[in-house]
Amino acid sequence: MVELAFPETPKHELVFAHEGVEKGLGPKVVTSRVVLGEPSAVTIDDATLGDDLELKRFFAGQKDQWSFHAVQLSCSFEAGDGETFERALFTVQLSAQGAAAGQEPIAWSMTPFKLVQKVEIKDTASIGADLKLVKSELGSDATYPDNELYLVAYNERCSNPYWRLKAVRGITIEGVQRLRMIVRVPRDVPSLGRLDVGADIRARRFLVPCKAPVPNIPQLSFSL
């Protein structure tokens, strides 16, 4: 097992725009905000893996075809006056220029994977066997119904990974959330990750589906 450190990155405030309401007329605007951190990516190579022989053997069998990158994402949810976040969705779209079918970049590993409570995530990530992140998730000896899960990761091993957050009893969607992936991309093929944030916001008695448009600037995407 090896540890990777991620540097702190600048942050950008995004404004939610409502997409209509599910019931009733609803408010014309919401005042909730999301603050998006610039992604931080670390390329994994022989030097990164240090003295871990198991990881080096796995990497040696993969590196002629693929490259691997550890990516940290972060966002802070700030509820407006009289508003609460009911659900939130943080999506990443991975793409590569000229990648053949079956050669697209994918989220090789994701963390947190499943959470029933908020956890403090350090500024380092541990990588275990087969270049998989050591995940924050439910214990194997416990099961929880879906309506008690605060955070769930979806689409691991796909090009469109995402995390869903949901307010549950005793846990609100508020403050910073760090998310991490190992991304596998075709070797020597330029690849890109674009971010997207959406939320359902409770404003008084109305549920307002919202999007927080991410500016099309290089700092808020990541190139691999």
Protein backbone atom coordinates (compact mmCIF):
# COMPACT_ATOMS: atom_id res chain seq x y z
CA MET A 1 0.00 0.00 0.00
CA VAL A 2 1.22 3.52 -0.80
CA GLU A 3 -0.03 6.98 0.11
CA LEU A 4 -0.45 9.92 -2.24
CA ALA A 5 -0.67 13.53 -1.08
CA PHE A 6 -2.92 16.08 -2.80
CA PRO A 7 -2.17 19.82 -2.63
CA GLU A 8 -4.84 22.35 -1.73
CA THR A 9 -6.20 24.10 -4.81
CA PRO A 10 -8.04 27.39 -5.44
CA LYS A 11 -11.83 27.42 -5.13
CA HIS A 12 -14.58 28.91 -7.29
CA GLU A 13 -18.11 29.83 -6.19
CA LEU A 14 -20.94 28.64 -8.44
CA VAL A 15 -24.53 29.90 -8.43
CA PHE A 16 -27.47 27.52 -8.68
CA ALA A 17 -30.06 28.14 -11.38
CA HIS A 18 -33.43 26.45 -10.87
CA GLU A 19 -34.82 24.09 -13.49
CA GLY A 20 -38.46 24.34 -12.43
CA VAL A 21 -40.28 22.96 -9.42
CA GLU A 22 -41.90 19.62 -8.81
CA LYS A 23 -44.99 21.01 -7.10
CA GLY A 24 -46.52 24.45 -6.84
CA LEU A 25 -45.21 27.72 -8.19
CA GLY A 26 -42.08 27.80 -6.05
CA PRO A 27 -39.53 30.60 -5.62
CA LYS A 28 -38.05 32.30 -8.66
CA VAL A 29 -34.51 32.17 -7.26
CA VAL A 30 -32.54 30.21 -4.70
CA THR A 31 -29.67 31.65 -2.68
CA SER A 32 -27.80 28.41 -1.96
CA ARG A 33 -24.28 28.15 -3.35
CA VAL A 34 -21.67 25.52 -4.10
CA VAL A 35 -17.93 26.20 -3.96
CA LEU A 36 -15.97 23.97 -6.31
CA GLY A 37 -12.29 23.25 -5.76
CA GLU A 38 -10.00 23.00 -8.76
CA PRO A 39 -9.26 19.30 -9.41
CA SER A 40 -5.87 17.96 -8.35
CA ALA A 41 -4.34 15.10 -10.36
CA VAL A 42 -1.28 12.99 -9.56
CA THR A 43 0.19 10.72 -12.25
CA ILE A 44 1.03 7.25 -10.97
CA ASP A 45 4.40 5.88 -12.08
CA ASP A 46 7.14 3.59 -10.78
CA ALA A 47 8.49 6.33 -8.53
CA THR A 48 5.02 6.98 -7.08
CA LEU A 49 4.67 3.33 -6.08
CA GLY A 50 7.86 3.33 -4.02
CA ASP A 51 8.85 -0.10 -2.67
CA ASP A 52 5.45 -1.79 -2.97
CA LEU A 53 6.39 -4.83 -5.09
CA GLU A 54 2.82 -6.07 -5.53
CA LEU A 55 1.66 -2.76 -6.93
CA LYS A 56 4.76 -2.49 -9.13
CA ARG A 57 4.10 -5.94 -10.63
CA PHE A 58 0.52 -4.97 -11.44
CA PHE A 59 1.61 -1.62 -12.87
CA ALA A 60 4.30 -3.26 -15.03
CA GLY A 61 1.64 -5.43 -16.69
CA GLN A 62 -0.56 -2.41 -17.46
CA LYS A 63 1.70 0.53 -18.30
CA ASP A 64 2.33 -0.33 -21.96
CA GLN A 65 -1.40 0.07 -22.67
CA TRP A 66 -2.73 2.33 -19.91
CA SER A 67 -1.72 5.19 -17.67
CA PHE A 68 -3.22 5.79 -14.23
CA HIS A 69 -3.91 9.05 -12.42
CA ALA A 70 -5.18 9.80 -8.93
CA VAL A 71 -7.67 12.68 -8.99
CA GLN A 72 -9.06 14.61 -6.02
CA LEU A 73 -12.25 16.65 -6.35
CA SER A 74 -13.90 18.80 -3.72
CA CYS A 75 -17.05 20.84 -3.34
CA SER A 76 -18.60 22.78 -0.46
CA PHE A 77 -22.36 23.11 -0.17
CA GLU A 78 -23.67 26.33 1.40
CA ALA A 79 -27.41 26.42 2.00
CA GLY A 80 -29.13 29.79 1.63
CA ASP A 81 -31.38 31.36 4.24
CA GLY A 82 -34.47 29.18 4.73
CA GLU A 83 -33.15 26.56 2.28
CA THR A 84 -31.79 23.04 2.67
CA PHE A 85 -30.14 20.60 0.28
CA GLU A 86 -32.29 17.49 -0.08
CA ARG A 87 -30.10 15.78 -2.69
CA ALA A 88 -26.97 16.62 -4.65
CA LEU A 89 -25.23 15.04 -7.62
CA PHE A 90 -21.55 15.44 -8.50
CA THR A 91 -20.80 14.07 -11.97
CA VAL A 92 -17.58 13.60 -13.94
CA GLN A 93 -17.53 13.03 -17.69
CA LEU A 94 -14.31 11.44 -18.93
CA SER A 95 -13.33 11.60 -22.59
CA ALA A 96 -10.29 11.01 -24.79
CA GLN A 97 -9.38 12.32 -28.21
CA GLY A 98 -9.48 9.57 -30.80
CA ALA A 99 -9.91 6.70 -28.31
CA ALA A 100 -11.09 3.47 -29.97
CA ALA A 101 -14.16 1.60 -28.76
CA GLY A 102 -13.35 -0.12 -25.48
CA GLN A 103 -10.38 2.20 -24.93
CA GLU A 104 -12.18 5.09 -23.24
CA PRO A 105 -10.90 6.49 -19.96
CA ILE A 106 -12.73 5.10 -16.93
CA ALA A 107 -12.97 5.60 -13.20
CA TRP A 108 -10.87 2.59 -12.21
CA SER A 109 -11.63 3.13 -8.52
CA MET A 110 -13.75 5.62 -6.53
CA THR A 111 -13.92 6.75 -2.90
CA PRO A 112 -15.93 7.40 -0.79
CA PHE A 113 -18.04 4.52 -2.08
CA LYS A 114 -20.89 4.27 0.44
CA LEU A 115 -21.30 6.35 3.58
CA VAL A 116 -23.96 6.36 6.25
CA GLN A 117 -22.34 9.29 8.04
CA LYS A 118 -19.97 12.10 7.23
CA VAL A 119 -16.29 11.30 7.62
CA GLU A 120 -13.26 13.58 7.67
CA ILE A 121 -11.09 12.76 4.67
CA LYS A 122 -7.39 13.50 5.03
CA ASP A 123 -5.28 15.21 2.39
CA THR A 124 -3.71 11.88 1.46
CA ALA A 125 -5.12 8.80 -0.26
CA SER A 126 -4.03 5.18 0.19
CA ILE A 127 -3.72 2.87 -2.81
CA GLY A 128 -3.92 -0.88 -2.31
CA ALA A 129 -3.90 -3.93 -4.56
CA ASP A 130 -4.40 -3.46 -8.33
CA LEU A 131 -4.12 0.33 -7.97
CA LYS A 132 -7.45 0.50 -6.13
CA LEU A 133 -8.14 3.26 -3.62
CA VAL A 134 -8.66 2.09 -0.07
CA LYS A 135 -12.33 3.02 0.14
CA SER A 136 -14.43 4.66 2.80
CA GLU A 137 -17.51 2.47 2.74
CA LEU A 138 -19.89 0.32 4.72
CA GLY A 139 -18.49 -2.63 6.60
CA SER A 140 -19.07 -6.01 4.95
CA ASP A 141 -20.91 -7.23 8.05
CA ALA A 142 -23.53 -4.47 7.96
CA THR A 143 -26.29 -3.62 5.52
CA TYR A 144 -28.31 -0.44 5.32
CA PRO A 145 -31.43 0.38 3.31
CA ASP A 146 -30.94 2.88 0.51
CA ASN A 147 -32.91 5.57 2.35
CA GLU A 148 -30.26 5.63 5.12
CA LEU A 149 -27.25 6.14 2.85
CA TYR A 150 -25.83 9.66 2.92
CA LEU A 151 -23.45 9.19 -0.03
CA VAL A 152 -23.20 6.56 -2.78
CA ALA A 153 -20.74 6.33 -5.70
CA TYR A 154 -22.00 5.09 -9.05
CA ASN A 155 -20.52 3.97 -12.38
CA GLU A 156 -17.14 2.75 -11.24
CA ARG A 157 -15.31 1.30 -14.28
CA CYS A 158 -17.29 3.69 -16.53
CA SER A 159 -16.57 7.00 -18.27
CA ASN A 160 -19.37 8.84 -16.44
CA PRO A 161 -18.79 8.27 -12.71
CA TYR A 162 -20.85 10.21 -10.20
CA TRP A 163 -21.61 10.55 -6.51
CA ARG A 164 -25.09 11.05 -5.10
CA LEU A 165 -25.55 12.76 -1.73
CA LYS A 166 -28.85 12.66 0.11
CA ALA A 167 -29.90 14.30 3.36
CA VAL A 168 -30.90 11.57 5.80
CA ARG A 169 -31.96 11.55 9.42
CA GLY A 170 -29.44 13.50 11.45
CA ILE A 171 -27.18 14.33 8.46
CA THR A 172 -27.49 17.44 6.30
CA ILE A 173 -25.71 18.19 3.03
CA GLU A 174 -23.60 21.10 4.17
CA GLY A 175 -19.90 21.93 4.06
CA VAL A 176 -17.00 20.36 2.22
CA GLN A 177 -17.04 16.94 0.58
CA ARG A 178 -13.85 15.45 -0.91
CA LEU A 179 -14.14 12.84 -3.65
CA ARG A 180 -11.37 10.76 -5.21
CA MET A 181 -10.82 8.53 -8.21
CA ILE A 182 -8.12 6.52 -9.87
CA VAL A 183 -8.63 7.22 -13.57
CA ARG A 184 -7.32 4.77 -16.17
CA VAL A 185 -6.68 6.29 -19.60
CA PRO A 186 -5.22 4.92 -22.85
CA ARG A 187 -1.49 5.49 -22.84
CA ASP A 188 -0.33 8.59 -24.78
CA VAL A 189 -3.91 9.61 -25.59
CA PRO A 190 -4.88 13.11 -24.29
CA SER A 191 -7.83 12.74 -21.92
CA LEU A 192 -10.14 15.19 -20.15
CA GLY A 193 -12.51 15.20 -17.19
CA ARG A 194 -15.40 17.69 -17.00
CA LEU A 195 -17.38 18.35 -13.82
CA ASP A 196 -21.09 18.93 -13.27
CA VAL A 197 -23.03 19.74 -10.09
CA GLY A 198 -26.78 19.57 -9.53
CA ALA A 199 -29.04 19.60 -6.48
CA ASP A 200 -32.62 19.45 -5.26
CA ILE A 201 -33.04 22.35 -2.84
CA ARG A 202 -35.90 22.70 -0.37
CA ALA A 203 -36.95 26.36 -0.33
CA ARG A 204 -39.76 26.78 2.15
CA ARG A 205 -42.26 24.07 1.15
CA PHE A 206 -41.08 23.78 -2.44
CA LEU A 207 -38.55 21.33 -3.86
CA VAL A 208 -36.49 23.10 -6.53
CA PRO A 209 -34.30 21.08 -8.95
CA CYS A 210 -31.20 23.16 -9.69
CA LYS A 211 -28.01 23.11 -11.72
CA ALA A 212 -24.79 24.94 -10.89
CA PRO A 213 -23.24 25.60 -14.32
CA VAL A 214 -19.50 24.94 -14.22
CA PRO A 215 -17.61 27.57 -16.26
CA ASN A 216 -15.78 26.21 -19.28
CA ILE A 217 -12.35 27.13 -17.97
CA PRO A 218 -9.34 24.81 -17.79
CA GLN A 219 -9.01 25.15 -14.00
CA LEU A 220 -12.38 23.45 -13.43
CA SER A 221 -11.63 20.43 -15.59
CA PHE A 222 -8.62 18.15 -15.49
CA SER A 223 -6.36 17.00 -18.30
CA LEU A 224 -4.57 13.66 -18.15
